[in-house]
C-alpha atoms as a PDB file:
ATOM      1  CA  MET A   1      23.563   4.186  66.811  1.00  0.00           C
ATOM      2  CA  LEU A   2      23.480   6.792  69.633  1.00  0.00           C
ATOM      3  CA  ARG A   3      24.909   5.875  73.119  1.00  0.00           C
ATOM      4  CA  PHE A   4      22.362   6.096  75.713  1.00  0.00           C
ATOM      5  CA  THR A   5      22.290   6.216  79.444  1.00  0.00           C
ATOM      6  CA  GLU A   6      21.194   3.037  81.206  1.00  0.00           C
ATOM      7  CA  LYS A   7      17.994   4.384  81.854  1.00  0.00           C
ATOM      8  CA  THR A   8      17.149   5.106  78.209  1.00  0.00           C
ATOM      9  CA  ASN A   9      18.512   1.617  77.339  1.00  0.00           C
ATOM     10  CA  ASN A  10      16.414   0.150  80.030  1.00  0.00           C
ATOM     11  CA  PHE A  11      13.506   1.958  78.295  1.00  0.00           C
ATOM     12  CA  LEU A  12      14.243   0.975  74.786  1.00  0.00           C
ATOM     13  CA  ASP A  13      14.821  -2.754  76.047  1.00  0.00           C
ATOM     14  CA  ASN A  14      11.551  -3.140  77.941  1.00  0.00           C
ATOM     15  CA  TYR A  15       8.996  -0.257  77.222  1.00  0.00           C
ATOM     16  CA  ILE A  16       8.742   0.379  73.502  1.00  0.00           C
ATOM     17  CA  GLY A  17       5.960  -2.143  72.828  1.00  0.00           C
ATOM     18  CA  ASN A  18       5.685  -3.286  69.210  1.00  0.00           C
ATOM     19  CA  MET A  19       8.098  -0.563  68.018  1.00  0.00           C
ATOM     20  CA  SER A  20      11.244  -1.701  66.469  1.00  0.00           C
ATOM     21  CA  LEU A  21      14.526  -0.498  68.115  1.00  0.00           C
ATOM     22  CA  SER A  22      15.601   1.179  64.927  1.00  0.00           C
ATOM     23  CA  LEU A  23      12.640   3.204  64.817  1.00  0.00           C
ATOM     24  CA  ALA A  24      12.757   4.263  68.564  1.00  0.00           C
ATOM     25  CA  THR A  25      16.284   5.374  68.048  1.00  0.00           C
ATOM     26  CA  GLY A  26      15.513   7.042  64.830  1.00  0.00           C
ATOM     27  CA  ILE A  27      12.630   8.863  66.781  1.00  0.00           C
ATOM     28  CA  ILE A  28      15.172   9.963  69.475  1.00  0.00           C
ATOM     29  CA  ASN A  29      17.461  11.092  66.967  1.00  0.00           C
ATOM     30  CA  ARG A  30      14.812  13.350  65.226  1.00  0.00           C
ATOM     31  CA  PHE A  31      14.335  14.914  68.501  1.00  0.00           C
ATOM     32  CA  GLY A  32      18.023  16.005  68.621  1.00  0.00           C
ATOM     33  CA  GLY A  33      19.200  13.047  70.865  1.00  0.00           C
ATOM     34  CA  GLU A  34      18.798  11.470  74.228  1.00  0.00           C
ATOM     35  CA  LYS A  35      18.604  14.764  76.279  1.00  0.00           C
ATOM     36  CA  GLU A  36      16.145  16.615  73.916  1.00  0.00           C
ATOM     37  CA  PHE A  37      13.686  13.531  73.848  1.00  0.00           C
ATOM     38  CA  ILE A  38      13.715  13.595  77.669  1.00  0.00           C
ATOM     39  CA  GLU A  39      12.974  17.025  78.015  1.00  0.00           C
ATOM     40  CA  GLN A  40      10.414  17.295  75.182  1.00  0.00           C
ATOM     41  CA  HIS A  41       8.541  14.114  75.328  1.00  0.00           C
ATOM     42  CA  SER A  42       5.740  15.337  77.711  1.00  0.00           C
ATOM     43  CA  SER A  43       4.855  18.135  75.150  1.00  0.00           C
ATOM     44  CA  ALA A  44       5.269  15.682  72.370  1.00  0.00           C
ATOM     45  CA  CYS A  45       2.606  13.353  73.771  1.00  0.00           C
ATOM     46  CA  LEU A  46       0.016  15.975  73.284  1.00  0.00           C
ATOM     47  CA  VAL A  47       0.724  17.482  69.874  1.00  0.00           C
ATOM     48  CA  ILE A  48       4.042  16.875  68.540  1.00  0.00           C
ATOM     49  CA  SER A  49       3.778  19.278  65.586  1.00  0.00           C
ATOM     50  CA  ASP A  50       3.158  22.043  67.882  1.00  0.00           C
ATOM     51  CA  GLY A  51       6.687  23.513  68.407  1.00  0.00           C
ATOM     52  CA  ILE A  52       8.635  20.580  69.014  1.00  0.00           C
ATOM     53  CA  GLU A  53      12.231  21.001  67.396  1.00  0.00           C
ATOM     54  CA  GLY A  54      12.852  18.400  64.749  1.00  0.00           C
ATOM     55  CA  TRP A  55       9.088  17.780  64.140  1.00  0.00           C
ATOM     56  CA  GLN A  56       7.877  20.772  61.923  1.00  0.00           C
ATOM     57  CA  GLN A  57       9.697  20.772  58.471  1.00  0.00           C
ATOM     58  CA  THR A  58       7.538  18.696  56.106  1.00  0.00           C
ATOM     59  CA  VAL A  59      10.496  17.761  53.930  1.00  0.00           C
ATOM     60  CA  ASP A  60      12.393  16.332  56.947  1.00  0.00           C
ATOM     61  CA  LEU A  61       9.220  14.439  58.232  1.00  0.00           C
ATOM     62  CA  ILE A  62       8.907  12.768  54.756  1.00  0.00           C
ATOM     63  CA  ARG A  63      12.427  11.889  54.640  1.00  0.00           C
ATOM     64  CA  PHE A  64      12.232  10.493  58.175  1.00  0.00           C
ATOM     65  CA  TYR A  65       9.030   8.409  57.017  1.00  0.00           C
ATOM     66  CA  GLU A  66      10.650   7.142  53.977  1.00  0.00           C
ATOM     67  CA  ASP A  67      13.616   6.178  55.933  1.00  0.00           C
ATOM     68  CA  ASN A  68      11.488   4.509  58.430  1.00  0.00           C
ATOM     69  CA  LYS A  69       8.714   3.531  56.169  1.00  0.00           C
ATOM     70  CA  GLU A  70       8.596  -0.460  56.883  1.00  0.00           C
ATOM     71  CA  SER A  71       8.955  -0.004  60.719  1.00  0.00           C
ATOM     72  CA  VAL A  72       6.357   3.040  60.915  1.00  0.00           C
ATOM     73  CA  LEU A  73       3.808   0.876  58.845  1.00  0.00           C
ATOM     74  CA  ALA A  74       4.539  -2.301  60.976  1.00  0.00           C
ATOM     75  CA  HIS A  75       4.122  -0.299  64.454  1.00  0.00           C
ATOM     76  CA  ALA A  76       1.056   1.710  63.018  1.00  0.00           C
ATOM     77  CA  THR A  77      -0.739  -1.576  61.820  1.00  0.00           C
ATOM     78  CA  SER A  78       0.000  -3.132  65.075  1.00  0.00           C
ATOM     79  CA  GLU A  79      -1.417  -0.261  67.028  1.00  0.00           C
ATOM     80  CA  ALA A  80      -4.611  -0.076  64.857  1.00  0.00           C
ATOM     81  CA  LYS A  81      -5.198  -3.691  65.830  1.00  0.00           C
ATOM     82  CA  ARG A  82      -4.454  -2.991  69.550  1.00  0.00           C
ATOM     83  CA  PHE A  83      -6.869   0.029  69.379  1.00  0.00           C
ATOM     84  CA  GLY A  84      -9.439  -1.958  67.880  1.00  0.00           C
ATOM     85  CA  PHE A  85      -9.779  -0.566  64.201  1.00  0.00           C
ATOM     86  CA  ASP A  86     -10.646  -2.912  61.369  1.00  0.00           C
ATOM     87  CA  ASN A  87      -7.501  -1.752  59.384  1.00  0.00           C
ATOM     88  CA  LEU A  88      -4.538   0.708  59.435  1.00  0.00           C
ATOM     89  CA  VAL A  89      -6.650   3.091  57.079  1.00  0.00           C
ATOM     90  CA  ASP A  90      -9.337   3.630  59.596  1.00  0.00           C
ATOM     91  CA  MET A  91      -6.956   4.555  62.327  1.00  0.00           C
ATOM     92  CA  ILE A  92      -5.160   6.975  60.155  1.00  0.00           C
ATOM     93  CA  ALA A  93      -8.324   8.763  59.165  1.00  0.00           C
ATOM     94  CA  GLY A  94      -8.823   9.488  62.738  1.00  0.00           C
ATOM     95  CA  PHE A  95      -5.560  11.391  63.220  1.00  0.00           C
ATOM     96  CA  LYS A  96      -5.971  15.064  64.198  1.00  0.00           C
ATOM     97  CA  SER A  97      -3.973  16.198  61.479  1.00  0.00           C
ATOM     98  CA  LEU A  98      -6.307  14.354  58.856  1.00  0.00           C
ATOM     99  CA  GLU A  99      -9.569  13.913  60.505  1.00  0.00           C
ATOM    100  CA  GLY A 100     -12.510  14.851  58.139  1.00  0.00           C
ATOM    101  CA  GLU A 101      -9.995  15.936  55.363  1.00  0.00           C
ATOM    102  CA  ARG A 102      -8.917  12.499  53.817  1.00  0.00           C
ATOM    103  CA  THR A 103     -11.147   9.816  52.525  1.00  0.00           C
ATOM    104  CA  ALA A 104     -10.378   6.120  53.138  1.00  0.00           C
ATOM    105  CA  GLU A 105      -9.462   5.938  49.388  1.00  0.00           C
ATOM    106  CA  GLU A 106      -7.165   8.848  49.385  1.00  0.00           C
ATOM    107  CA  ILE A 107      -5.222   7.591  52.425  1.00  0.00           C
ATOM    108  CA  ASN A 108      -4.886   4.101  51.098  1.00  0.00           C
ATOM    109  CA  ASP A 109      -3.707   5.571  47.857  1.00  0.00           C
ATOM    110  CA  ALA A 110      -1.071   7.672  49.833  1.00  0.00           C
ATOM    111  CA  LEU A 111       0.087   4.354  51.482  1.00  0.00           C
ATOM    112  CA  GLN A 112       0.648   2.799  48.415  1.00  0.00           C
ATOM    113  CA  SER A 113       2.272   5.394  46.189  1.00  0.00           C
ATOM    114  CA  THR A 114       4.657   8.342  46.708  1.00  0.00           C
ATOM    115  CA  GLU A 115       2.922   9.814  43.765  1.00  0.00           C
ATOM    116  CA  ALA A 116      -0.508   9.979  45.440  1.00  0.00           C
ATOM    117  CA  GLU A 117      -1.842  13.370  45.574  1.00  0.00           C
ATOM    118  CA  HIS A 118      -2.021  13.251  49.460  1.00  0.00           C
ATOM    119  CA  TYR A 119       1.092  11.189  50.022  1.00  0.00           C
ATOM    120  CA  GLU A 120       2.995  14.008  52.029  1.00  0.00           C
ATOM    121  CA  GLN A 121       0.284  14.708  54.201  1.00  0.00           C
ATOM    122  CA  VAL A 122      -0.285  10.817  55.167  1.00  0.00           C
ATOM    123  CA  ALA A 123       3.469  10.424  55.511  1.00  0.00           C
ATOM    124  CA  VAL A 124       3.864  13.441  57.674  1.00  0.00           C
ATOM    125  CA  ALA A 125       0.949  12.144  59.826  1.00  0.00           C
ATOM    126  CA  LEU A 126       2.473   8.779  60.248  1.00  0.00           C
ATOM    127  CA  ALA A 127       5.762  10.158  61.332  1.00  0.00           C
ATOM    128  CA  TRP A 128       3.991  12.293  64.064  1.00  0.00           C
ATOM    129  CA  PHE A 129       2.186   9.242  65.179  1.00  0.00           C
ATOM    130  CA  ALA A 130       5.490   7.496  65.636  1.00  0.00           C
ATOM    131  CA  GLY A 131       7.063  10.372  67.441  1.00  0.00           C
ATOM    132  CA  GLU A 132       4.016  10.996  69.723  1.00  0.00           C
ATOM    133  CA  THR A 133       3.700   7.114  70.428  1.00  0.00           C
ATOM    134  CA  LEU A 134       7.198   6.744  71.736  1.00  0.00           C
ATOM    135  CA  SER A 135       6.886   9.677  73.857  1.00  0.00           C
ATOM    136  CA  LYS A 136       3.822   8.296  75.323  1.00  0.00           C
ATOM    137  CA  TYR A 137       5.738   5.122  75.892  1.00  0.00           C
ATOM    138  CA  TYR A 138       8.210   6.823  77.845  1.00  0.00           C
ATOM    139  CA  ASP A 139       5.688   8.679  80.056  1.00  0.00           C
ATOM    140  CA  LEU A 140       4.429   5.417  80.960  1.00  0.00           C
ATOM    141  CA  PHE A 141       7.895   4.197  81.705  1.00  0.00           C
ATOM    142  CA  LEU A 142       8.466   7.046  84.032  1.00  0.00           C
ATOM    143  CA  ASP A 143       4.978   6.425  85.470  1.00  0.00           C
ATOM    144  CA  GLU A 144       6.258   2.895  86.471  1.00  0.00           C
ATOM    145  CA  LEU A 145       9.614   4.034  87.713  1.00  0.00           C
ATOM    146  CA  ALA A 146       7.877   6.646  90.059  1.00  0.00           C
ATOM    147  CA  LEU A 147       5.307   3.780  91.284  1.00  0.00           C
ATOM    148  CA  ALA A 148       8.296   1.395  91.869  1.00  0.00           C
ATOM    149  CA  HIS A 149      10.156   4.227  93.738  1.00  0.00           C
ATOM    150  CA  ALA A 150       7.077   5.065  95.917  1.00  0.00           C
ATOM    151  CA  HIS A 151       6.469   1.449  96.976  1.00  0.00           C
ATOM    152  CA  LEU A 152      10.524   1.094  97.599  1.00  0.00           C
ATOM    153  CA  ILE A 153      10.297   4.126  99.925  1.00  0.00           C
ATOM    154  CA  ALA A 154       6.788   3.234 101.706  1.00  0.00           C
ATOM    155  CA  GLY A 155       8.254  -0.411 102.123  1.00  0.00           C
ATOM    156  CA  ILE A 156       5.186  -1.991 100.292  1.00  0.00           C
ATOM    157  CA  ASP A 157       5.790  -5.229  99.057  1.00  0.00           C
ATOM    158  CA  SER A 158       5.081  -5.150  95.260  1.00  0.00           C
ATOM    159  CA  ASP A 159       5.616  -6.937  91.872  1.00  0.00           C
ATOM    160  CA  ILE A 160       6.892  -3.714  90.778  1.00  0.00           C
ATOM    161  CA  THR A 161      10.372  -3.207  90.828  1.00  0.00           C
ATOM    162  CA  LEU A 162      12.790  -0.506  90.295  1.00  0.00           C
ATOM    163  CA  PRO A 163      15.357  -1.247  87.735  1.00  0.00           C
ATOM    164  CA  GLU A 164      18.823  -1.827  89.241  1.00  0.00           C
ATOM    165  CA  MET A 165      20.147   0.774  86.587  1.00  0.00           C
ATOM    166  CA  CYS A 166      17.863   3.580  88.124  1.00  0.00           C
ATOM    167  CA  PRO A 167      18.582   3.378  91.808  1.00  0.00           C
ATOM    168  CA  ASN A 168      18.291   6.987  92.343  1.00  0.00           C
ATOM    169  CA  TYR A 169      15.531   7.332  90.135  1.00  0.00           C
END
């Protein structure tokens, strides 16, 4: 596991929602490390596949998905429920990279077997989903830090606190 700054450790300890720590650190590694993740997370929130280093090569993304499959699927299933989908397949069918291209049956087949015709496309879409999700979580983390910092500077009494390890934000 990589060594991270206290700020990133705070993020990983408190702001990754239902994502496993091993998946989150795997995603940061996929970006090339902590520095690269921090520099590129904003762009990755929008479209991770669009020019983000580490997120373009199909073979690497399939390997990432396969290495983290259990965690990716657990996270995606939890997010599908949180977003109000009836099931994981319905959420995946709405991914921009798959929208209108794959039936629920084709997606389900791809989730069940690496031999399925559209396995690679679904695996890559799920890898992108995991990377984009962590990037969005990091954006939310930074927003909360900024709000806590603003409250501190303005002297506003608030339940939002600036983490001790980020005194200079």
